[in-house]
Amino acid sequence: MNVKFKEGQIVIYTKGDKYQIGKIKLLNETHAFVWYHGGDTAAKTSLTMLIPIDDVDEINKFSPIINEYCMKEILTK
């Protein structure tokens, strides 16, 4: 298992020059199921596309975050 990531961790998904904030729901060796919105479904995402966030204040360096409208819901999941 990749020790760089853990369940419940905040991550940034890289999408070109834009980013999405997410929170890992489940994790395996190559993929994570990540919440990118306030709903109950999580998207299977390759770990190579994710940047781990250890401090929520780090999020500010990623701009623009295209799902910023639901950031509060994601952080409180």
PDB file of N, CA and C in Angstrom:
ATOM      1  N   MET A   1       0.844  -1.179   0.000  1.00  0.00           N
ATOM      2  CA  MET A   1       0.000   0.000   0.000  1.00  0.00           C
ATOM      3  C   MET A   1       0.889   1.241   0.000  1.00  0.00           C
ATOM      4  N   ASN A   2       0.487   2.241  -0.718  1.00  0.00           N
ATOM      5  CA  ASN A   2       1.240   3.487  -0.818  1.00  0.00           C
ATOM      6  C   ASN A   2       1.085   4.278   0.477  1.00  0.00           C
ATOM      7  N   VAL A   3       2.180   4.512   1.195  1.00  0.00           N
ATOM      8  CA  VAL A   3       2.118   5.218   2.466  1.00  0.00           C
ATOM      9  C   VAL A   3       1.975   6.723   2.286  1.00  0.00           C
ATOM     10  N   LYS A   4       2.126   7.206   1.074  1.00  0.00           N
ATOM     11  CA  LYS A   4       1.985   8.631   0.790  1.00  0.00           C
ATOM     12  C   LYS A   4       0.536   9.079   0.945  1.00  0.00           C
ATOM     13  N   PHE A   5      -0.404   8.157   0.739  1.00  0.00           N
ATOM     14  CA  PHE A   5      -1.830   8.448   0.817  1.00  0.00           C
ATOM     15  C   PHE A   5      -2.466   7.625   1.925  1.00  0.00           C
ATOM     16  N   LYS A   6      -3.576   8.135   2.460  1.00  0.00           N
ATOM     17  CA  LYS A   6      -4.324   7.389   3.470  1.00  0.00           C
ATOM     18  C   LYS A   6      -5.802   7.736   3.347  1.00  0.00           C
ATOM     19  N   GLU A   7      -6.640   6.833   3.783  1.00  0.00           N
ATOM     20  CA  GLU A   7      -8.080   7.074   3.757  1.00  0.00           C
ATOM     21  C   GLU A   7      -8.408   8.281   4.629  1.00  0.00           C
ATOM     22  N   GLY A   8      -9.315   9.125   4.127  1.00  0.00           N
ATOM     23  CA  GLY A   8      -9.697  10.335   4.843  1.00  0.00           C
ATOM     24  C   GLY A   8      -8.832  11.544   4.523  1.00  0.00           C
ATOM     25  N   GLN A   9      -7.781  11.347   3.731  1.00  0.00           N
ATOM     26  CA  GLN A   9      -6.855  12.426   3.401  1.00  0.00           C
ATOM     27  C   GLN A   9      -7.423  13.336   2.317  1.00  0.00           C
ATOM     28  N   ILE A  10      -7.155  14.620   2.442  1.00  0.00           N
ATOM     29  CA  ILE A  10      -7.495  15.592   1.415  1.00  0.00           C
ATOM     30  C   ILE A  10      -6.458  15.485   0.305  1.00  0.00           C
ATOM     31  N   VAL A  11      -6.918  15.517  -0.946  1.00  0.00           N
ATOM     32  CA  VAL A  11      -6.031  15.423  -2.105  1.00  0.00           C
ATOM     33  C   VAL A  11      -6.458  16.449  -3.153  1.00  0.00           C
ATOM     34  N   ILE A  12      -5.550  16.728  -4.047  1.00  0.00           N
ATOM     35  CA  ILE A  12      -5.834  17.555  -5.213  1.00  0.00           C
ATOM     36  C   ILE A  12      -5.673  16.667  -6.442  1.00  0.00           C
ATOM     37  N   TYR A  13      -6.712  16.643  -7.267  1.00  0.00           N
ATOM     38  CA  TYR A  13      -6.686  15.923  -8.542  1.00  0.00           C
ATOM     39  C   TYR A  13      -6.231  16.902  -9.609  1.00  0.00           C
ATOM     40  N   THR A  14      -5.210  16.541 -10.358  1.00  0.00           N
ATOM     41  CA  THR A  14      -4.686  17.412 -11.402  1.00  0.00           C
ATOM     42  C   THR A  14      -5.446  17.171 -12.697  1.00  0.00           C
ATOM     43  N   LYS A  15      -5.928  18.251 -13.280  1.00  0.00           N
ATOM     44  CA  LYS A  15      -6.700  18.188 -14.526  1.00  0.00           C
ATOM     45  C   LYS A  15      -6.194  19.321 -15.418  1.00  0.00           C
ATOM     46  N   GLY A  16      -5.102  19.044 -16.146  1.00  0.00           N
ATOM     47  CA  GLY A  16      -4.486  20.097 -16.957  1.00  0.00           C
ATOM     48  C   GLY A  16      -3.937  21.181 -16.058  1.00  0.00           C
ATOM     49  N   ASP A  17      -4.351  22.422 -16.307  1.00  0.00           N
ATOM     50  CA  ASP A  17      -3.905  23.533 -15.457  1.00  0.00           C
ATOM     51  C   ASP A  17      -4.955  23.905 -14.420  1.00  0.00           C
ATOM     52  N   LYS A  18      -5.951  23.021 -14.243  1.00  0.00           N
ATOM     53  CA  LYS A  18      -6.982  23.226 -13.232  1.00  0.00           C
ATOM     54  C   LYS A  18      -6.931  22.061 -12.256  1.00  0.00           C
ATOM     55  N   TYR A  19      -7.509  22.265 -11.112  1.00  0.00           N
ATOM     56  CA  TYR A  19      -7.422  21.281 -10.049  1.00  0.00           C
ATOM     57  C   TYR A  19      -8.783  21.055  -9.422  1.00  0.00           C
ATOM     58  N   GLN A  20      -8.963  19.861  -8.830  1.00  0.00           N
ATOM     59  CA  GLN A  20     -10.152  19.553  -8.059  1.00  0.00           C
ATOM     60  C   GLN A  20      -9.720  19.075  -6.689  1.00  0.00           C
ATOM     61  N   ILE A  21     -10.409  19.572  -5.675  1.00  0.00           N
ATOM     62  CA  ILE A  21     -10.150  19.090  -4.322  1.00  0.00           C
ATOM     63  C   ILE A  21     -10.980  17.839  -4.095  1.00  0.00           C
ATOM     64  N   GLY A  22     -10.437  16.903  -3.337  1.00  0.00           N
ATOM     65  CA  GLY A  22     -11.154  15.688  -3.021  1.00  0.00           C
ATOM     66  C   GLY A  22     -10.713  15.134  -1.681  1.00  0.00           C
ATOM     67  N   LYS A  23     -11.433  14.106  -1.255  1.00  0.00           N
ATOM     68  CA  LYS A  23     -11.099  13.425  -0.009  1.00  0.00           C
ATOM     69  C   LYS A  23     -11.182  11.929  -0.267  1.00  0.00           C
ATOM     70  N   ILE A  24     -10.132  11.213   0.108  1.00  0.00           N
ATOM     71  CA  ILE A  24     -10.066   9.779  -0.155  1.00  0.00           C
ATOM     72  C   ILE A  24     -11.059   9.033   0.740  1.00  0.00           C
ATOM     73  N   LYS A  25     -11.921   8.264   0.088  1.00  0.00           N
ATOM     74  CA  LYS A  25     -12.876   7.414   0.793  1.00  0.00           C
ATOM     75  C   LYS A  25     -12.277   6.027   1.018  1.00  0.00           C
ATOM     76  N   LEU A  26     -11.775   5.415  -0.055  1.00  0.00           N
ATOM     77  CA  LEU A  26     -11.148   4.093  -0.008  1.00  0.00           C
ATOM     78  C   LEU A  26      -9.865   4.135  -0.804  1.00  0.00           C
ATOM     79  N   LEU A  27      -8.968   3.222  -0.495  1.00  0.00           N
ATOM     80  CA  LEU A  27      -7.638   3.251  -1.104  1.00  0.00           C
ATOM     81  C   LEU A  27      -7.164   1.832  -1.365  1.00  0.00           C
ATOM     82  N   ASN A  28      -6.498   1.639  -2.529  1.00  0.00           N
ATOM     83  CA  ASN A  28      -5.767   0.396  -2.762  1.00  0.00           C
ATOM     84  C   ASN A  28      -4.380   0.767  -3.267  1.00  0.00           C
ATOM     85  N   GLU A  29      -3.630  -0.174  -3.807  1.00  0.00           N
ATOM     86  CA  GLU A  29      -2.239   0.098  -4.164  1.00  0.00           C
ATOM     87  C   GLU A  29      -2.061   1.032  -5.350  1.00  0.00           C
ATOM     88  N   THR A  30      -3.029   1.119  -6.243  1.00  0.00           N
ATOM     89  CA  THR A  30      -2.867   1.935  -7.449  1.00  0.00           C
ATOM     90  C   THR A  30      -3.923   3.022  -7.620  1.00  0.00           C
ATOM     91  N   HIS A  31      -5.052   2.893  -6.913  1.00  0.00           N
ATOM     92  CA  HIS A  31      -6.166   3.831  -7.086  1.00  0.00           C
ATOM     93  C   HIS A  31      -6.772   4.221  -5.740  1.00  0.00           C
ATOM     94  N   ALA A  32      -7.473   5.328  -5.775  1.00  0.00           N
ATOM     95  CA  ALA A  32      -8.261   5.743  -4.619  1.00  0.00           C
ATOM     96  C   ALA A  32      -9.670   6.048  -5.107  1.00  0.00           C
ATOM     97  N   PHE A  33     -10.647   5.811  -4.260  1.00  0.00           N
ATOM     98  CA  PHE A  33     -12.002   6.274  -4.520  1.00  0.00           C
ATOM     99  C   PHE A  33     -12.131   7.595  -3.778  1.00  0.00           C
ATOM    100  N   VAL A  34     -12.384   8.658  -4.537  1.00  0.00           N
ATOM    101  CA  VAL A  34     -12.293  10.018  -4.004  1.00  0.00           C
ATOM    102  C   VAL A  34     -13.632  10.732  -4.140  1.00  0.00           C
ATOM    103  N   TRP A  35     -14.044  11.400  -3.059  1.00  0.00           N
ATOM    104  CA  TRP A  35     -15.192  12.301  -3.115  1.00  0.00           C
ATOM    105  C   TRP A  35     -14.722  13.633  -3.695  1.00  0.00           C
ATOM    106  N   TYR A  36     -15.371  14.102  -4.753  1.00  0.00           N
ATOM    107  CA  TYR A  36     -15.068  15.409  -5.345  1.00  0.00           C
ATOM    108  C   TYR A  36     -16.242  16.370  -5.192  1.00  0.00           C
ATOM    109  N   HIS A  37     -17.250  15.956  -4.445  1.00  0.00           N
ATOM    110  CA  HIS A  37     -18.473  16.747  -4.291  1.00  0.00           C
ATOM    111  C   HIS A  37     -19.136  16.320  -2.992  1.00  0.00           C
ATOM    112  N   GLY A  38     -20.258  16.907  -2.668  1.00  0.00           N
ATOM    113  CA  GLY A  38     -20.925  16.624  -1.416  1.00  0.00           C
ATOM    114  C   GLY A  38     -21.744  15.354  -1.408  1.00  0.00           C
ATOM    115  N   GLY A  39     -21.890  14.683  -2.540  1.00  0.00           N
ATOM    116  CA  GLY A  39     -22.700  13.466  -2.612  1.00  0.00           C
ATOM    117  C   GLY A  39     -22.016  12.257  -2.002  1.00  0.00           C
ATOM    118  N   ASP A  40     -22.678  11.107  -2.122  1.00  0.00           N
ATOM    119  CA  ASP A  40     -22.164   9.884  -1.522  1.00  0.00           C
ATOM    120  C   ASP A  40     -21.296   9.044  -2.452  1.00  0.00           C
ATOM    121  N   THR A  41     -21.265   9.362  -3.747  1.00  0.00           N
ATOM    122  CA  THR A  41     -20.464   8.562  -4.673  1.00  0.00           C
ATOM    123  C   THR A  41     -19.028   9.064  -4.714  1.00  0.00           C
ATOM    124  N   ALA A  42     -18.124   8.143  -4.980  1.00  0.00           N
ATOM    125  CA  ALA A  42     -16.708   8.480  -5.072  1.00  0.00           C
ATOM    126  C   ALA A  42     -16.184   7.959  -6.410  1.00  0.00           C
ATOM    127  N   ALA A  43     -15.280   8.711  -7.011  1.00  0.00           N
ATOM    128  CA  ALA A  43     -14.728   8.351  -8.315  1.00  0.00           C
ATOM    129  C   ALA A  43     -13.399   7.619  -8.155  1.00  0.00           C
ATOM    130  N   LYS A  44     -13.250   6.513  -8.906  1.00  0.00           N
ATOM    131  CA  LYS A  44     -11.984   5.771  -8.908  1.00  0.00           C
ATOM    132  C   LYS A  44     -10.956   6.619  -9.651  1.00  0.00           C
ATOM    133  N   THR A  45      -9.847   6.933  -8.971  1.00  0.00           N
ATOM    134  CA  THR A  45      -8.835   7.835  -9.500  1.00  0.00           C
ATOM    135  C   THR A  45      -7.457   7.229  -9.300  1.00  0.00           C
ATOM    136  N   SER A  46      -6.633   7.251 -10.344  1.00  0.00           N
ATOM    137  CA  SER A  46      -5.262   6.764 -10.236  1.00  0.00           C
ATOM    138  C   SER A  46      -4.478   7.622  -9.247  1.00  0.00           C
ATOM    139  N   LEU A  47      -3.677   6.983  -8.413  1.00  0.00           N
ATOM    140  CA  LEU A  47      -2.857   7.723  -7.452  1.00  0.00           C
ATOM    141  C   LEU A  47      -1.867   8.647  -8.152  1.00  0.00           C
ATOM    142  N   THR A  48      -1.506   8.336  -9.390  1.00  0.00           N
ATOM    143  CA  THR A  48      -0.562   9.186 -10.121  1.00  0.00           C
ATOM    144  C   THR A  48      -1.165  10.547 -10.460  1.00  0.00           C
ATOM    145  N   MET A  49      -2.483  10.674 -10.388  1.00  0.00           N
ATOM    146  CA  MET A  49      -3.163  11.931 -10.706  1.00  0.00           C
ATOM    147  C   MET A  49      -3.462  12.760  -9.461  1.00  0.00           C
ATOM    148  N   LEU A  50      -3.064  12.266  -8.288  1.00  0.00           N
ATOM    149  CA  LEU A  50      -3.400  12.915  -7.029  1.00  0.00           C
ATOM    150  C   LEU A  50      -2.176  13.512  -6.346  1.00  0.00           C
ATOM    151  N   ILE A  51      -2.386  14.644  -5.717  1.00  0.00           N
ATOM    152  CA  ILE A  51      -1.366  15.293  -4.898  1.00  0.00           C
ATOM    153  C   ILE A  51      -1.876  15.264  -3.457  1.00  0.00           C
ATOM    154  N   PRO A  52      -1.137  14.643  -2.534  1.00  0.00           N
ATOM    155  CA  PRO A  52      -1.598  14.601  -1.147  1.00  0.00           C
ATOM    156  C   PRO A  52      -1.477  15.970  -0.481  1.00  0.00           C
ATOM    157  N   ILE A  53      -2.450  16.293   0.348  1.00  0.00           N
ATOM    158  CA  ILE A  53      -2.439  17.556   1.084  1.00  0.00           C
ATOM    159  C   ILE A  53      -2.396  17.222   2.571  1.00  0.00           C
ATOM    160  N   ASP A  54      -1.352  17.660   3.238  1.00  0.00           N
ATOM    161  CA  ASP A  54      -1.217  17.402   4.673  1.00  0.00           C
ATOM    162  C   ASP A  54      -1.767  18.546   5.509  1.00  0.00           C
ATOM    163  N   ASP A  55      -1.777  19.740   4.948  1.00  0.00           N
ATOM    164  CA  ASP A  55      -2.260  20.927   5.648  1.00  0.00           C
ATOM    165  C   ASP A  55      -3.257  21.625   4.731  1.00  0.00           C
ATOM    166  N   VAL A  56      -4.486  21.802   5.188  1.00  0.00           N
ATOM    167  CA  VAL A  56      -5.546  22.383   4.361  1.00  0.00           C
ATOM    168  C   VAL A  56      -5.137  23.748   3.813  1.00  0.00           C
ATOM    169  N   ASP A  57      -4.281  24.470   4.513  1.00  0.00           N
ATOM    170  CA  ASP A  57      -3.817  25.773   4.020  1.00  0.00           C
ATOM    171  C   ASP A  57      -3.019  25.647   2.723  1.00  0.00           C
ATOM    172  N   GLU A  58      -2.481  24.446   2.436  1.00  0.00           N
ATOM    173  CA  GLU A  58      -1.746  24.207   1.187  1.00  0.00           C
ATOM    174  C   GLU A  58      -2.652  24.338  -0.037  1.00  0.00           C
ATOM    175  N   ILE A  59      -3.950  24.157   0.147  1.00  0.00           N
ATOM    176  CA  ILE A  59      -4.894  24.198  -0.973  1.00  0.00           C
ATOM    177  C   ILE A  59      -4.830  25.538  -1.692  1.00  0.00           C
ATOM    178  N   ASN A  60      -4.545  26.606  -0.963  1.00  0.00           N
ATOM    179  CA  ASN A  60      -4.545  27.949  -1.541  1.00  0.00           C
ATOM    180  C   ASN A  60      -3.548  28.123  -2.680  1.00  0.00           C
ATOM    181  N   LYS A  61      -2.521  27.277  -2.755  1.00  0.00           N
ATOM    182  CA  LYS A  61      -1.533  27.434  -3.832  1.00  0.00           C
ATOM    183  C   LYS A  61      -2.009  26.846  -5.153  1.00  0.00           C
ATOM    184  N   PHE A  62      -3.133  26.136  -5.143  1.00  0.00           N
ATOM    185  CA  PHE A  62      -3.689  25.546  -6.359  1.00  0.00           C
ATOM    186  C   PHE A  62      -4.801  26.451  -6.879  1.00  0.00           C
ATOM    187  N   SER A  63      -4.632  26.947  -8.074  1.00  0.00           N
ATOM    188  CA  SER A  63      -5.620  27.872  -8.613  1.00  0.00           C
ATOM    189  C   SER A  63      -5.736  27.666 -10.109  1.00  0.00           C
ATOM    190  N   PRO A  64      -6.922  27.646 -10.676  1.00  0.00           N
ATOM    191  CA  PRO A  64      -8.199  27.640  -9.955  1.00  0.00           C
ATOM    192  C   PRO A  64      -8.601  26.226  -9.573  1.00  0.00           C
ATOM    193  N   ILE A  65      -9.351  26.117  -8.518  1.00  0.00           N
ATOM    194  CA  ILE A  65      -9.942  24.839  -8.114  1.00  0.00           C
ATOM    195  C   ILE A  65     -11.360  24.836  -8.650  1.00  0.00           C
ATOM    196  N   ILE A  66     -11.637  23.921  -9.561  1.00  0.00           N
ATOM    197  CA  ILE A  66     -12.894  23.994 -10.291  1.00  0.00           C
ATOM    198  C   ILE A  66     -14.101  23.501  -9.497  1.00  0.00           C
ATOM    199  N   ASN A  67     -13.905  22.856  -8.378  1.00  0.00           N
ATOM    200  CA  ASN A  67     -15.045  22.447  -7.558  1.00  0.00           C
ATOM    201  C   ASN A  67     -15.024  23.133  -6.195  1.00  0.00           C
ATOM    202  N   GLU A  68     -14.529  24.354  -6.168  1.00  0.00           N
ATOM    203  CA  GLU A  68     -14.402  25.115  -4.920  1.00  0.00           C
ATOM    204  C   GLU A  68     -15.752  25.331  -4.239  1.00  0.00           C
ATOM    205  N   TYR A  69     -16.830  25.349  -5.016  1.00  0.00           N
ATOM    206  CA  TYR A  69     -18.171  25.575  -4.471  1.00  0.00           C
ATOM    207  C   TYR A  69     -18.560  24.536  -3.419  1.00  0.00           C
ATOM    208  N   CYS A  70     -17.967  23.354  -3.465  1.00  0.00           N
ATOM    209  CA  CYS A  70     -18.340  22.312  -2.496  1.00  0.00           C
ATOM    210  C   CYS A  70     -17.194  21.963  -1.556  1.00  0.00           C
ATOM    211  N   MET A  71     -16.184  22.824  -1.487  1.00  0.00           N
ATOM    212  CA  MET A  71     -15.001  22.546  -0.672  1.00  0.00           C
ATOM    213  C   MET A  71     -15.360  22.298   0.797  1.00  0.00           C
ATOM    214  N   LYS A  72     -16.243  23.101   1.361  1.00  0.00           N
ATOM    215  CA  LYS A  72     -16.607  22.943   2.772  1.00  0.00           C
ATOM    216  C   LYS A  72     -17.228  21.565   3.024  1.00  0.00           C
ATOM    217  N   GLU A  73     -18.094  21.114   2.121  1.00  0.00           N
ATOM    218  CA  GLU A  73     -18.712  19.792   2.271  1.00  0.00           C
ATOM    219  C   GLU A  73     -17.670  18.680   2.202  1.00  0.00           C
ATOM    220  N   ILE A  74     -16.728  18.812   1.284  1.00  0.00           N
ATOM    221  CA  ILE A  74     -15.685  17.784   1.137  1.00  0.00           C
ATOM    222  C   ILE A  74     -14.810  17.722   2.382  1.00  0.00           C
ATOM    223  N   LEU A  75     -14.422  18.879   2.893  1.00  0.00           N
ATOM    224  CA  LEU A  75     -13.537  18.917   4.052  1.00  0.00           C
ATOM    225  C   LEU A  75     -14.197  18.340   5.304  1.00  0.00           C
ATOM    226  N   THR A  76     -15.527  18.417   5.392  1.00  0.00           N
ATOM    227  CA  THR A  76     -16.219  17.932   6.578  1.00  0.00           C
ATOM    228  C   THR A  76     -16.733  16.503   6.440  1.00  0.00           C
ATOM    229  N   LYS A  77     -16.524  15.862   5.304  1.00  0.00           N
ATOM    230  CA  LYS A  77     -16.979  14.465   5.104  1.00  0.00           C
ATOM    231  C   LYS A  77     -16.324  13.555   6.112  1.00  0.00           C
TER     232      LYS A  77
END
